[in-house]
């Protein structure tokens, strides 16, 4: 089933886009937008150990660790990452956790003296 827009809907979208582009040209609003998402990441959490060896002695082998999987919440602007945090193992994102993350990000941004688009 295709979704077709009426001429009025198309023109409304074009008008909104033009308005946003004009605001960006005058105020730079696109530079102040922050987006947030959750992401599963895999990382290698190796522990490096040093060994004292005599010349000619072979190094002791270490078992290879598996990749670790963590859930990350990351907030970015056009300029890059402004905030990130890892969730605890088995923790899901609830409204309370999301609100805590927003509050933490707001405090970090205030410390960096960045402006938010509200």
PDB file of N, CA and C in Angstrom:
ATOM      1  N   UNK A   1       0.854  -1.177   0.000  1.00  0.00           N
ATOM      2  CA  UNK A   1       0.000   0.000   0.000  1.00  0.00           C
ATOM      3  C   UNK A   1       0.898   1.237   0.000  1.00  0.00           C
ATOM      4  N   UNK A   2       0.767   2.045  -0.997  1.00  0.00           N
ATOM      5  CA  UNK A   2       1.581   3.254  -1.081  1.00  0.00           C
ATOM      6  C   UNK A   2       0.863   4.401  -0.395  1.00  0.00           C
ATOM      7  N   UNK A   3       1.666   5.276   0.154  1.00  0.00           N
ATOM      8  CA  UNK A   3       1.127   6.450   0.835  1.00  0.00           C
ATOM      9  C   UNK A   3       1.414   7.659  -0.045  1.00  0.00           C
ATOM     10  N   UNK A   4       0.377   8.265  -0.557  1.00  0.00           N
ATOM     11  CA  UNK A   4       0.552   9.418  -1.428  1.00  0.00           C
ATOM     12  C   UNK A   4       0.112  10.674  -0.694  1.00  0.00           C
ATOM     13  N   UNK A   5       0.884  11.726  -0.875  1.00  0.00           N
ATOM     14  CA  UNK A   5       0.567  13.007  -0.253  1.00  0.00           C
ATOM     15  C   UNK A   5      -0.217  13.869  -1.227  1.00  0.00           C
ATOM     16  N   UNK A   6      -1.130  14.632  -0.680  1.00  0.00           N
ATOM     17  CA  UNK A   6      -1.867  15.574  -1.520  1.00  0.00           C
ATOM     18  C   UNK A   6      -0.959  16.755  -1.842  1.00  0.00           C
ATOM     19  N   UNK A   7      -1.368  17.552  -2.791  1.00  0.00           N
ATOM     20  CA  UNK A   7      -0.590  18.747  -3.146  1.00  0.00           C
ATOM     21  C   UNK A   7      -0.431  19.664  -1.938  1.00  0.00           C
ATOM     22  N   UNK A   8      -1.473  19.776  -1.126  1.00  0.00           N
ATOM     23  CA  UNK A   8      -1.411  20.617   0.075  1.00  0.00           C
ATOM     24  C   UNK A   8      -0.378  20.069   1.061  1.00  0.00           C
ATOM     25  N   UNK A   9      -0.369  18.741   1.260  1.00  0.00           N
ATOM     26  CA  UNK A   9       0.624  18.130   2.153  1.00  0.00           C
ATOM     27  C   UNK A   9       2.043  18.348   1.643  1.00  0.00           C
ATOM     28  N   UNK A  10       2.237  18.176   0.345  1.00  0.00           N
ATOM     29  CA  UNK A  10       3.563  18.397  -0.246  1.00  0.00           C
ATOM     30  C   UNK A  10       4.016  19.840  -0.056  1.00  0.00           C
ATOM     31  N   UNK A  11       3.117  20.784  -0.313  1.00  0.00           N
ATOM     32  CA  UNK A  11       3.474  22.195  -0.185  1.00  0.00           C
ATOM     33  C   UNK A  11       3.759  22.556   1.270  1.00  0.00           C
ATOM     34  N   UNK A  12       3.009  21.966   2.207  1.00  0.00           N
ATOM     35  CA  UNK A  12       3.245  22.207   3.632  1.00  0.00           C
ATOM     36  C   UNK A  12       4.637  21.727   4.026  1.00  0.00           C
ATOM     37  N   UNK A  13       5.037  20.558   3.535  1.00  0.00           N
ATOM     38  CA  UNK A  13       6.378  20.038   3.831  1.00  0.00           C
ATOM     39  C   UNK A  13       7.463  20.935   3.249  1.00  0.00           C
ATOM     40  N   UNK A  14       7.265  21.370   2.020  1.00  0.00           N
ATOM     41  CA  UNK A  14       8.247  22.261   1.387  1.00  0.00           C
ATOM     42  C   UNK A  14       8.355  23.560   2.178  1.00  0.00           C
ATOM     43  N   UNK A  15       7.222  24.121   2.580  1.00  0.00           N
ATOM     44  CA  UNK A  15       7.227  25.368   3.356  1.00  0.00           C
ATOM     45  C   UNK A  15       7.957  25.189   4.687  1.00  0.00           C
ATOM     46  N   UNK A  16       7.720  24.067   5.368  1.00  0.00           N
ATOM     47  CA  UNK A  16       8.410  23.800   6.640  1.00  0.00           C
ATOM     48  C   UNK A  16       9.917  23.699   6.429  1.00  0.00           C
ATOM     49  N   UNK A  17      10.323  23.002   5.379  1.00  0.00           N
ATOM     50  CA  UNK A  17      11.756  22.859   5.096  1.00  0.00           C
ATOM     51  C   UNK A  17      12.402  24.202   4.798  1.00  0.00           C
ATOM     52  N   UNK A  18      11.732  25.014   4.008  1.00  0.00           N
ATOM     53  CA  UNK A  18      12.275  26.341   3.682  1.00  0.00           C
ATOM     54  C   UNK A  18      12.386  27.191   4.939  1.00  0.00           C
ATOM     55  N   UNK A  19      11.366  27.128   5.806  1.00  0.00           N
ATOM     56  CA  UNK A  19      11.402  27.886   7.059  1.00  0.00           C
ATOM     57  C   UNK A  19      12.572  27.445   7.933  1.00  0.00           C
ATOM     58  N   UNK A  20      12.768  26.125   8.058  1.00  0.00           N
ATOM     59  CA  UNK A  20      13.881  25.620   8.870  1.00  0.00           C
ATOM     60  C   UNK A  20      15.235  26.004   8.280  1.00  0.00           C
ATOM     61  N   UNK A  21      15.371  25.928   6.969  1.00  0.00           N
ATOM     62  CA  UNK A  21      16.636  26.332   6.338  1.00  0.00           C
ATOM     63  C   UNK A  21      16.903  27.821   6.528  1.00  0.00           C
ATOM     64  N   UNK A  22      15.861  28.637   6.426  1.00  0.00           N
ATOM     65  CA  UNK A  22      16.031  30.077   6.668  1.00  0.00           C
ATOM     66  C   UNK A  22      16.437  30.350   8.112  1.00  0.00           C
ATOM     67  N   UNK A  23      15.815  29.633   9.060  1.00  0.00           N
ATOM     68  CA  UNK A  23      16.206  29.799  10.468  1.00  0.00           C
ATOM     69  C   UNK A  23      17.648  29.384  10.682  1.00  0.00           C
ATOM     70  N   UNK A  24      18.053  28.308  10.009  1.00  0.00           N
ATOM     71  CA  UNK A  24      19.442  27.874  10.147  1.00  0.00           C
ATOM     72  C   UNK A  24      20.390  28.922   9.574  1.00  0.00           C
ATOM     73  N   UNK A  25      20.048  29.474   8.426  1.00  0.00           N
ATOM     74  CA  UNK A  25      20.907  30.503   7.823  1.00  0.00           C
ATOM     75  C   UNK A  25      21.003  31.741   8.701  1.00  0.00           C
ATOM     76  N   UNK A  26      19.920  32.082   9.404  1.00  0.00           N
ATOM     77  CA  UNK A  26      19.911  33.279  10.256  1.00  0.00           C
ATOM     78  C   UNK A  26      20.407  33.013  11.674  1.00  0.00           C
ATOM     79  N   UNK A  27      20.065  31.846  12.234  1.00  0.00           N
ATOM     80  CA  UNK A  27      20.341  31.571  13.644  1.00  0.00           C
ATOM     81  C   UNK A  27      21.268  30.379  13.879  1.00  0.00           C
ATOM     82  N   UNK A  28      21.516  29.578  12.864  1.00  0.00           N
ATOM     83  CA  UNK A  28      22.355  28.396  13.038  1.00  0.00           C
ATOM     84  C   UNK A  28      21.709  27.314  13.880  1.00  0.00           C
ATOM     85  N   UNK A  29      20.381  27.122  13.736  1.00  0.00           N
ATOM     86  CA  UNK A  29      19.686  26.178  14.620  1.00  0.00           C
ATOM     87  C   UNK A  29      20.130  24.733  14.438  1.00  0.00           C
ATOM     88  N   UNK A  30      20.554  24.351  13.239  1.00  0.00           N
ATOM     89  CA  UNK A  30      20.959  22.955  13.030  1.00  0.00           C
ATOM     90  C   UNK A  30      22.216  22.612  13.816  1.00  0.00           C
ATOM     91  N   UNK A  31      23.010  23.615  14.146  1.00  0.00           N
ATOM     92  CA  UNK A  31      24.223  23.385  14.931  1.00  0.00           C
ATOM     93  C   UNK A  31      23.919  23.138  16.403  1.00  0.00           C
ATOM     94  N   UNK A  32      22.682  23.405  16.831  1.00  0.00           N
ATOM     95  CA  UNK A  32      22.320  23.268  18.242  1.00  0.00           C
ATOM     96  C   UNK A  32      21.404  22.091  18.522  1.00  0.00           C
ATOM     97  N   UNK A  33      21.072  21.318  17.511  1.00  0.00           N
ATOM     98  CA  UNK A  33      20.191  20.167  17.701  1.00  0.00           C
ATOM     99  C   UNK A  33      20.991  19.008  18.283  1.00  0.00           C
ATOM    100  N   UNK A  34      20.408  18.354  19.278  1.00  0.00           N
ATOM    101  CA  UNK A  34      21.032  17.192  19.912  1.00  0.00           C
ATOM    102  C   UNK A  34      20.135  15.987  19.666  1.00  0.00           C
ATOM    103  N   UNK A  35      20.739  14.893  19.262  1.00  0.00           N
ATOM    104  CA  UNK A  35      19.996  13.655  19.061  1.00  0.00           C
ATOM    105  C   UNK A  35      20.545  12.592  20.007  1.00  0.00           C
ATOM    106  N   UNK A  36      19.672  11.703  20.432  1.00  0.00           N
ATOM    107  CA  UNK A  36      20.058  10.680  21.406  1.00  0.00           C
ATOM    108  C   UNK A  36      19.569   9.324  20.913  1.00  0.00           C
ATOM    109  N   UNK A  37      20.377   8.293  21.137  1.00  0.00           N
ATOM    110  CA  UNK A  37      19.993   6.942  20.735  1.00  0.00           C
ATOM    111  C   UNK A  37      20.709   5.928  21.613  1.00  0.00           C
ATOM    112  N   UNK A  38      20.176   4.727  21.624  1.00  0.00           N
ATOM    113  CA  UNK A  38      20.843   3.634  22.336  1.00  0.00           C
ATOM    114  C   UNK A  38      21.458   2.713  21.300  1.00  0.00           C
ATOM    115  N   UNK A  39      22.547   2.074  21.667  1.00  0.00           N
ATOM    116  CA  UNK A  39      23.288   1.256  20.711  1.00  0.00           C
ATOM    117  C   UNK A  39      23.982   0.128  21.446  1.00  0.00           C
ATOM    118  N   UNK A  40      23.944  -1.063  20.881  1.00  0.00           N
ATOM    119  CA  UNK A  40      24.745  -2.169  21.396  1.00  0.00           C
ATOM    120  C   UNK A  40      26.134  -2.043  20.805  1.00  0.00           C
ATOM    121  N   UNK A  41      27.138  -2.152  21.643  1.00  0.00           N
ATOM    122  CA  UNK A  41      28.508  -2.121  21.144  1.00  0.00           C
ATOM    123  C   UNK A  41      29.241  -3.369  21.624  1.00  0.00           C
ATOM    124  N   UNK A  42      30.189  -3.792  20.845  1.00  0.00           N
ATOM    125  CA  UNK A  42      31.067  -4.893  21.218  1.00  0.00           C
ATOM    126  C   UNK A  42      32.457  -4.322  21.405  1.00  0.00           C
ATOM    127  N   UNK A  43      33.107  -4.699  22.473  1.00  0.00           N
ATOM    128  CA  UNK A  43      34.465  -4.219  22.667  1.00  0.00           C
ATOM    129  C   UNK A  43      35.332  -5.315  23.253  1.00  0.00           C
ATOM    130  N   UNK A  44      36.604  -5.152  23.059  1.00  0.00           N
ATOM    131  CA  UNK A  44      37.601  -6.112  23.507  1.00  0.00           C
ATOM    132  C   UNK A  44      38.182  -5.579  24.808  1.00  0.00           C
ATOM    133  N   UNK A  45      37.890  -6.234  25.912  1.00  0.00           N
ATOM    134  CA  UNK A  45      38.325  -5.771  27.228  1.00  0.00           C
ATOM    135  C   UNK A  45      39.549  -6.583  27.665  1.00  0.00           C
ATOM    136  N   UNK A  46      40.632  -6.400  26.949  1.00  0.00           N
ATOM    137  CA  UNK A  46      41.842  -7.173  27.240  1.00  0.00           C
ATOM    138  C   UNK A  46      42.563  -6.643  28.467  1.00  0.00           C
ATOM    139  N   UNK A  47      43.124  -7.566  29.204  1.00  0.00           N
ATOM    140  CA  UNK A  47      44.034  -7.197  30.285  1.00  0.00           C
ATOM    141  C   UNK A  47      45.430  -7.523  29.789  1.00  0.00           C
ATOM    142  N   UNK A  48      46.249  -6.545  29.749  1.00  0.00           N
ATOM    143  CA  UNK A  48      47.622  -6.743  29.301  1.00  0.00           C
ATOM    144  C   UNK A  48      48.495  -7.006  30.528  1.00  0.00           C
ATOM    145  N   UNK A  49      49.310  -7.998  30.423  1.00  0.00           N
ATOM    146  CA  UNK A  49      50.223  -8.266  31.530  1.00  0.00           C
ATOM    147  C   UNK A  49      51.648  -8.292  30.996  1.00  0.00           C
ATOM    148  N   UNK A  50      52.540  -7.847  31.822  1.00  0.00           N
ATOM    149  CA  UNK A  50      53.957  -7.833  31.454  1.00  0.00           C
ATOM    150  C   UNK A  50      54.628  -9.081  32.001  1.00  0.00           C
ATOM    151  N   UNK A  51      55.617  -9.515  31.291  1.00  0.00           N
ATOM    152  CA  UNK A  51      56.375 -10.685  31.732  1.00  0.00           C
ATOM    153  C   UNK A  51      57.860 -10.362  31.642  1.00  0.00           C
ATOM    154  N   UNK A  52      58.593 -10.773  32.652  1.00  0.00           N
ATOM    155  CA  UNK A  52      60.049 -10.685  32.579  1.00  0.00           C
ATOM    156  C   UNK A  52      60.548 -11.997  31.997  1.00  0.00           C
ATOM    157  N   UNK A  53      61.249 -11.908  30.904  1.00  0.00           N
ATOM    158  CA  UNK A  53      61.763 -13.108  30.244  1.00  0.00           C
ATOM    159  C   UNK A  53      63.269 -13.016  30.094  1.00  0.00           C
ATOM    160  N   UNK A  54      63.893 -14.141  30.230  1.00  0.00           N
ATOM    161  CA  UNK A  54      65.320 -14.218  29.918  1.00  0.00           C
ATOM    162  C   UNK A  54      65.473 -14.288  28.404  1.00  0.00           C
ATOM    163  N   UNK A  55      66.568 -13.815  27.888  1.00  0.00           N
ATOM    164  CA  UNK A  55      66.774 -13.893  26.437  1.00  0.00           C
ATOM    165  C   UNK A  55      66.598 -15.327  25.943  1.00  0.00           C
ATOM    166  N   UNK A  56      65.781 -15.481  24.889  1.00  0.00           N
ATOM    167  CA  UNK A  56      65.539 -16.797  24.306  1.00  0.00           C
ATOM    168  C   UNK A  56      64.363 -17.544  24.902  1.00  0.00           C
ATOM    169  N   UNK A  57      63.822 -17.091  26.052  1.00  0.00           N
ATOM    170  CA  UNK A  57      62.663 -17.752  26.655  1.00  0.00           C
ATOM    171  C   UNK A  57      61.396 -17.365  25.889  1.00  0.00           C
ATOM    172  N   UNK A  58      60.492 -18.322  25.640  1.00  0.00           N
ATOM    173  CA  UNK A  58      59.230 -17.978  24.966  1.00  0.00           C
ATOM    174  C   UNK A  58      58.266 -17.309  25.953  1.00  0.00           C
ATOM    175  N   UNK A  59      57.435 -16.438  25.429  1.00  0.00           N
ATOM    176  CA  UNK A  59      56.432 -15.773  26.271  1.00  0.00           C
ATOM    177  C   UNK A  59      55.317 -16.752  26.603  1.00  0.00           C
ATOM    178  N   UNK A  60      54.741 -16.612  27.801  1.00  0.00           N
ATOM    179  CA  UNK A  60      53.618 -17.458  28.197  1.00  0.00           C
ATOM    180  C   UNK A  60      52.380 -17.013  27.413  1.00  0.00           C
ATOM    181  N   UNK A  61      51.588 -17.975  26.994  1.00  0.00           N
ATOM    182  CA  UNK A  61      50.384 -17.630  26.235  1.00  0.00           C
ATOM    183  C   UNK A  61      49.242 -17.307  27.198  1.00  0.00           C
ATOM    184  N   UNK A  62      48.355 -16.447  26.738  1.00  0.00           N
ATOM    185  CA  UNK A  62      47.182 -16.063  27.525  1.00  0.00           C
ATOM    186  C   UNK A  62      45.938 -16.453  26.744  1.00  0.00           C
ATOM    187  N   UNK A  63      44.909 -16.884  27.452  1.00  0.00           N
ATOM    188  CA  UNK A  63      43.649 -17.234  26.794  1.00  0.00           C
ATOM    189  C   UNK A  63      43.020 -15.973  26.219  1.00  0.00           C
ATOM    190  N   UNK A  64      42.479 -16.088  25.018  1.00  0.00           N
ATOM    191  CA  UNK A  64      41.838 -14.946  24.371  1.00  0.00           C
ATOM    192  C   UNK A  64      40.443 -14.756  24.963  1.00  0.00           C
ATOM    193  N   UNK A  65      40.156 -13.538  25.371  1.00  0.00           N
ATOM    194  CA  UNK A  65      38.843 -13.237  25.941  1.00  0.00           C
ATOM    195  C   UNK A  65      37.825 -13.013  24.835  1.00  0.00           C
ATOM    196  N   UNK A  66      36.578 -13.262  25.170  1.00  0.00           N
ATOM    197  CA  UNK A  66      35.493 -13.011  24.225  1.00  0.00           C
ATOM    198  C   UNK A  66      35.193 -11.519  24.186  1.00  0.00           C
ATOM    199  N   UNK A  67      34.549 -11.092  23.099  1.00  0.00           N
ATOM    200  CA  UNK A  67      34.110  -9.709  23.014  1.00  0.00           C
ATOM    201  C   UNK A  67      33.015  -9.471  24.047  1.00  0.00           C
ATOM    202  N   UNK A  68      33.029  -8.306  24.652  1.00  0.00           N
ATOM    203  CA  UNK A  68      32.037  -7.929  25.649  1.00  0.00           C
ATOM    204  C   UNK A  68      30.967  -7.084  24.969  1.00  0.00           C
ATOM    205  N   UNK A  69      29.715  -7.355  25.294  1.00  0.00           N
ATOM    206  CA  UNK A  69      28.617  -6.604  24.709  1.00  0.00           C
ATOM    207  C   UNK A  69      28.022  -5.690  25.773  1.00  0.00           C
ATOM    208  N   UNK A  70      27.895  -4.416  25.455  1.00  0.00           N
ATOM    209  CA  UNK A  70      27.317  -3.427  26.362  1.00  0.00           C
ATOM    210  C   UNK A  70      26.317  -2.580  25.607  1.00  0.00           C
ATOM    211  N   UNK A  71      25.334  -2.053  26.343  1.00  0.00           N
ATOM    212  CA  UNK A  71      24.388  -1.119  25.745  1.00  0.00           C
ATOM    213  C   UNK A  71      24.820   0.289  26.136  1.00  0.00           C
ATOM    214  N   UNK A  72      24.871   1.156  25.145  1.00  0.00           N
ATOM    215  CA  UNK A  72      25.361   2.513  25.306  1.00  0.00           C
ATOM    216  C   UNK A  72      24.261   3.489  24.931  1.00  0.00           C
ATOM    217  N   UNK A  73      24.108   4.543  25.711  1.00  0.00           N
ATOM    218  CA  UNK A  73      23.237   5.656  25.338  1.00  0.00           C
ATOM    219  C   UNK A  73      24.165   6.797  24.958  1.00  0.00           C
ATOM    220  N   UNK A  74      23.991   7.322  23.752  1.00  0.00           N
ATOM    221  CA  UNK A  74      24.887   8.367  23.272  1.00  0.00           C
ATOM    222  C   UNK A  74      24.070   9.539  22.731  1.00  0.00           C
ATOM    223  N   UNK A  75      24.526  10.755  23.046  1.00  0.00           N
ATOM    224  CA  UNK A  75      23.897  11.980  22.564  1.00  0.00           C
ATOM    225  C   UNK A  75      24.917  12.754  21.749  1.00  0.00           C
ATOM    226  N   UNK A  76      24.488  13.192  20.565  1.00  0.00           N
ATOM    227  CA  UNK A  76      25.416  13.853  19.640  1.00  0.00           C
ATOM    228  C   UNK A  76      24.832  15.148  19.105  1.00  0.00           C
ATOM    229  N   UNK A  77      25.726  16.038  18.737  1.00  0.00           N
ATOM    230  CA  UNK A  77      25.386  17.211  17.951  1.00  0.00           C
ATOM    231  C   UNK A  77      26.112  17.075  16.622  1.00  0.00           C
ATOM    232  N   UNK A  78      25.956  18.077  15.797  1.00  0.00           N
ATOM    233  CA  UNK A  78      26.671  18.085  14.522  1.00  0.00           C
ATOM    234  C   UNK A  78      28.180  18.069  14.746  1.00  0.00           C
ATOM    235  N   UNK A  79      28.616  18.628  15.854  1.00  0.00           N
ATOM    236  CA  UNK A  79      30.049  18.726  16.162  1.00  0.00           C
ATOM    237  C   UNK A  79      30.616  17.444  16.765  1.00  0.00           C
ATOM    238  N   UNK A  80      29.764  16.552  17.267  1.00  0.00           N
ATOM    239  CA  UNK A  80      30.268  15.310  17.852  1.00  0.00           C
ATOM    240  C   UNK A  80      29.488  14.886  19.083  1.00  0.00           C
ATOM    241  N   UNK A  81      30.048  13.946  19.824  1.00  0.00           N
ATOM    242  CA  UNK A  81      29.404  13.378  21.014  1.00  0.00           C
ATOM    243  C   UNK A  81      29.451  14.387  22.157  1.00  0.00           C
ATOM    244  N   UNK A  82      28.295  14.609  22.805  1.00  0.00           N
ATOM    245  CA  UNK A  82      28.251  15.512  23.959  1.00  0.00           C
ATOM    246  C   UNK A  82      28.053  14.752  25.268  1.00  0.00           C
ATOM    247  N   UNK A  83      27.515  13.529  25.181  1.00  0.00           N
ATOM    248  CA  UNK A  83      27.303  12.743  26.398  1.00  0.00           C
ATOM    249  C   UNK A  83      27.138  11.278  26.012  1.00  0.00           C
ATOM    250  N   UNK A  84      27.668  10.397  26.849  1.00  0.00           N
ATOM    251  CA  UNK A  84      27.405   8.971  26.670  1.00  0.00           C
ATOM    252  C   UNK A  84      27.450   8.299  28.027  1.00  0.00           C
ATOM    253  N   UNK A  85      26.753   7.184  28.135  1.00  0.00           N
ATOM    254  CA  UNK A  85      26.813   6.388  29.354  1.00  0.00           C
ATOM    255  C   UNK A  85      26.471   4.945  29.010  1.00  0.00           C
ATOM    256  N   UNK A  86      27.050   4.030  29.774  1.00  0.00           N
ATOM    257  CA  UNK A  86      26.797   2.610  29.600  1.00  0.00           C
ATOM    258  C   UNK A  86      25.716   2.175  30.572  1.00  0.00           C
ATOM    259  N   UNK A  87      24.819   1.321  30.105  1.00  0.00           N
ATOM    260  CA  UNK A  87      23.819   0.748  30.993  1.00  0.00           C
ATOM    261  C   UNK A  87      24.419  -0.456  31.705  1.00  0.00           C
ATOM    262  N   UNK A  88      23.920  -0.720  32.900  1.00  0.00           N
ATOM    263  CA  UNK A  88      24.365  -1.903  33.638  1.00  0.00           C
ATOM    264  C   UNK A  88      23.863  -3.150  32.920  1.00  0.00           C
ATOM    265  N   UNK A  89      24.528  -4.255  33.133  1.00  0.00           N
ATOM    266  CA  UNK A  89      24.155  -5.511  32.490  1.00  0.00           C
ATOM    267  C   UNK A  89      22.710  -5.872  32.835  1.00  0.00           C
ATOM    268  N   UNK A  90      21.907  -6.140  31.833  1.00  0.00           N
ATOM    269  CA  UNK A  90      20.510  -6.512  32.029  1.00  0.00           C
ATOM    270  C   UNK A  90      19.566  -5.343  32.240  1.00  0.00           C
ATOM    271  N   UNK A  91      20.082  -4.132  32.315  1.00  0.00           N
ATOM    272  CA  UNK A  91      19.256  -2.950  32.555  1.00  0.00           C
ATOM    273  C   UNK A  91      18.589  -2.512  31.253  1.00  0.00           C
ATOM    274  N   UNK A  92      17.313  -2.162  31.335  1.00  0.00           N
ATOM    275  CA  UNK A  92      16.602  -1.651  30.167  1.00  0.00           C
ATOM    276  C   UNK A  92      16.361  -0.163  30.346  1.00  0.00           C
ATOM    277  N   UNK A  93      16.121   0.501  29.243  1.00  0.00           N
ATOM    278  CA  UNK A  93      15.903   1.945  29.284  1.00  0.00           C
ATOM    279  C   UNK A  93      14.437   2.200  29.610  1.00  0.00           C
ATOM    280  N   UNK A  94      14.218   2.806  30.753  1.00  0.00           N
ATOM    281  CA  UNK A  94      12.869   3.181  31.180  1.00  0.00           C
ATOM    282  C   UNK A  94      12.753   4.698  31.101  1.00  0.00           C
ATOM    283  N   UNK A  95      11.557   5.195  31.326  1.00  0.00           N
ATOM    284  CA  UNK A  95      11.352   6.641  31.315  1.00  0.00           C
ATOM    285  C   UNK A  95      12.213   7.312  32.385  1.00  0.00           C
ATOM    286  N   UNK A  96      12.330   6.688  33.557  1.00  0.00           N
ATOM    287  CA  UNK A  96      13.145   7.266  34.633  1.00  0.00           C
ATOM    288  C   UNK A  96      14.620   7.343  34.242  1.00  0.00           C
ATOM    289  N   UNK A  97      15.133   6.266  33.656  1.00  0.00           N
ATOM    290  CA  UNK A  97      16.542   6.263  33.238  1.00  0.00           C
ATOM    291  C   UNK A  97      16.763   7.303  32.151  1.00  0.00           C
ATOM    292  N   UNK A  98      15.839   7.375  31.204  1.00  0.00           N
ATOM    293  CA  UNK A  98      15.959   8.351  30.120  1.00  0.00           C
ATOM    294  C   UNK A  98      15.962   9.775  30.679  1.00  0.00           C
ATOM    295  N   UNK A  99      15.075  10.060  31.626  1.00  0.00           N
ATOM    296  CA  UNK A  99      15.026  11.397  32.243  1.00  0.00           C
ATOM    297  C   UNK A  99      16.311  11.696  33.012  1.00  0.00           C
ATOM    298  N   UNK A 100      16.861  10.699  33.702  1.00  0.00           N
ATOM    299  CA  UNK A 100      18.138  10.892  34.403  1.00  0.00           C
ATOM    300  C   UNK A 100      19.245  11.218  33.410  1.00  0.00           C
ATOM    301  N   UNK A 101      19.250  10.520  32.282  1.00  0.00           N
ATOM    302  CA  UNK A 101      20.263  10.777  31.252  1.00  0.00           C
ATOM    303  C   UNK A 101      20.130  12.193  30.701  1.00  0.00           C
ATOM    304  N   UNK A 102      18.896  12.629  30.459  1.00  0.00           N
ATOM    305  CA  UNK A 102      18.678  13.991  29.965  1.00  0.00           C
ATOM    306  C   UNK A 102      19.155  15.028  30.972  1.00  0.00           C
ATOM    307  N   UNK A 103      18.884  14.787  32.259  1.00  0.00           N
ATOM    308  CA  UNK A 103      19.323  15.723  33.298  1.00  0.00           C
ATOM    309  C   UNK A 103      20.845  15.781  33.363  1.00  0.00           C
ATOM    310  N   UNK A 104      21.494  14.621  33.311  1.00  0.00           N
ATOM    311  CA  UNK A 104      22.959  14.575  33.335  1.00  0.00           C
ATOM    312  C   UNK A 104      23.536  15.298  32.129  1.00  0.00           C
ATOM    313  N   UNK A 105      22.948  15.048  30.957  1.00  0.00           N
ATOM    314  CA  UNK A 105      23.424  15.707  29.742  1.00  0.00           C
ATOM    315  C   UNK A 105      23.234  17.220  29.839  1.00  0.00           C
ATOM    316  N   UNK A 106      22.104  17.654  30.386  1.00  0.00           N
ATOM    317  CA  UNK A 106      21.842  19.086  30.542  1.00  0.00           C
ATOM    318  C   UNK A 106      22.900  19.730  31.433  1.00  0.00           C
ATOM    319  N   UNK A 107      23.254  19.055  32.529  1.00  0.00           N
ATOM    320  CA  UNK A 107      24.278  19.585  33.435  1.00  0.00           C
ATOM    321  C   UNK A 107      25.646  19.641  32.755  1.00  0.00           C
ATOM    322  N   UNK A 108      25.971  18.603  31.984  1.00  0.00           N
ATOM    323  CA  UNK A 108      27.248  18.599  31.269  1.00  0.00           C
ATOM    324  C   UNK A 108      27.297  19.706  30.223  1.00  0.00           C
ATOM    325  N   UNK A 109      26.177  19.912  29.528  1.00  0.00           N
ATOM    326  CA  UNK A 109      26.133  20.974  28.520  1.00  0.00           C
ATOM    327  C   UNK A 109      26.231  22.350  29.172  1.00  0.00           C
ATOM    328  N   UNK A 110      25.579  22.514  30.319  1.00  0.00           N
ATOM    329  CA  UNK A 110      25.665  23.793  31.022  1.00  0.00           C
ATOM    330  C   UNK A 110      27.105  24.064  31.435  1.00  0.00           C
ATOM    331  N   UNK A 111      27.796  23.012  31.850  1.00  0.00           N
ATOM    332  CA  UNK A 111      29.200  23.172  32.228  1.00  0.00           C
ATOM    333  C   UNK A 111      30.049  23.554  31.022  1.00  0.00           C
ATOM    334  N   UNK A 112      29.670  23.066  29.870  1.00  0.00           N
ATOM    335  CA  UNK A 112      30.406  23.395  28.645  1.00  0.00           C
ATOM    336  C   UNK A 112      29.891  24.679  27.993  1.00  0.00           C
ATOM    337  N   UNK A 113      28.856  25.248  28.571  1.00  0.00           N
ATOM    338  CA  UNK A 113      28.245  26.486  28.099  1.00  0.00           C
ATOM    339  C   UNK A 113      27.751  26.378  26.664  1.00  0.00           C
ATOM    340  N   UNK A 114      27.089  25.261  26.360  1.00  0.00           N
ATOM    341  CA  UNK A 114      26.465  25.090  25.057  1.00  0.00           C
ATOM    342  C   UNK A 114      24.994  25.449  25.164  1.00  0.00           C
ATOM    343  N   UNK A 115      24.436  25.942  24.086  1.00  0.00           N
ATOM    344  CA  UNK A 115      23.021  26.288  24.074  1.00  0.00           C
ATOM    345  C   UNK A 115      22.207  25.138  23.502  1.00  0.00           C
ATOM    346  N   UNK A 116      21.042  24.909  24.097  1.00  0.00           N
ATOM    347  CA  UNK A 116      20.122  23.887  23.608  1.00  0.00           C
ATOM    348  C   UNK A 116      19.032  24.528  22.766  1.00  0.00           C
ATOM    349  N   UNK A 117      18.564  23.799  21.794  1.00  0.00           N
ATOM    350  CA  UNK A 117      17.413  24.224  21.016  1.00  0.00           C
ATOM    351  C   UNK A 117      16.174  23.669  21.704  1.00  0.00           C
ATOM    352  N   UNK A 118      15.366  24.535  22.268  1.00  0.00           N
ATOM    353  CA  UNK A 118      14.159  24.082  22.974  1.00  0.00           C
ATOM    354  C   UNK A 118      12.919  24.463  22.220  1.00  0.00           C
TER     355      UNK A 118
END
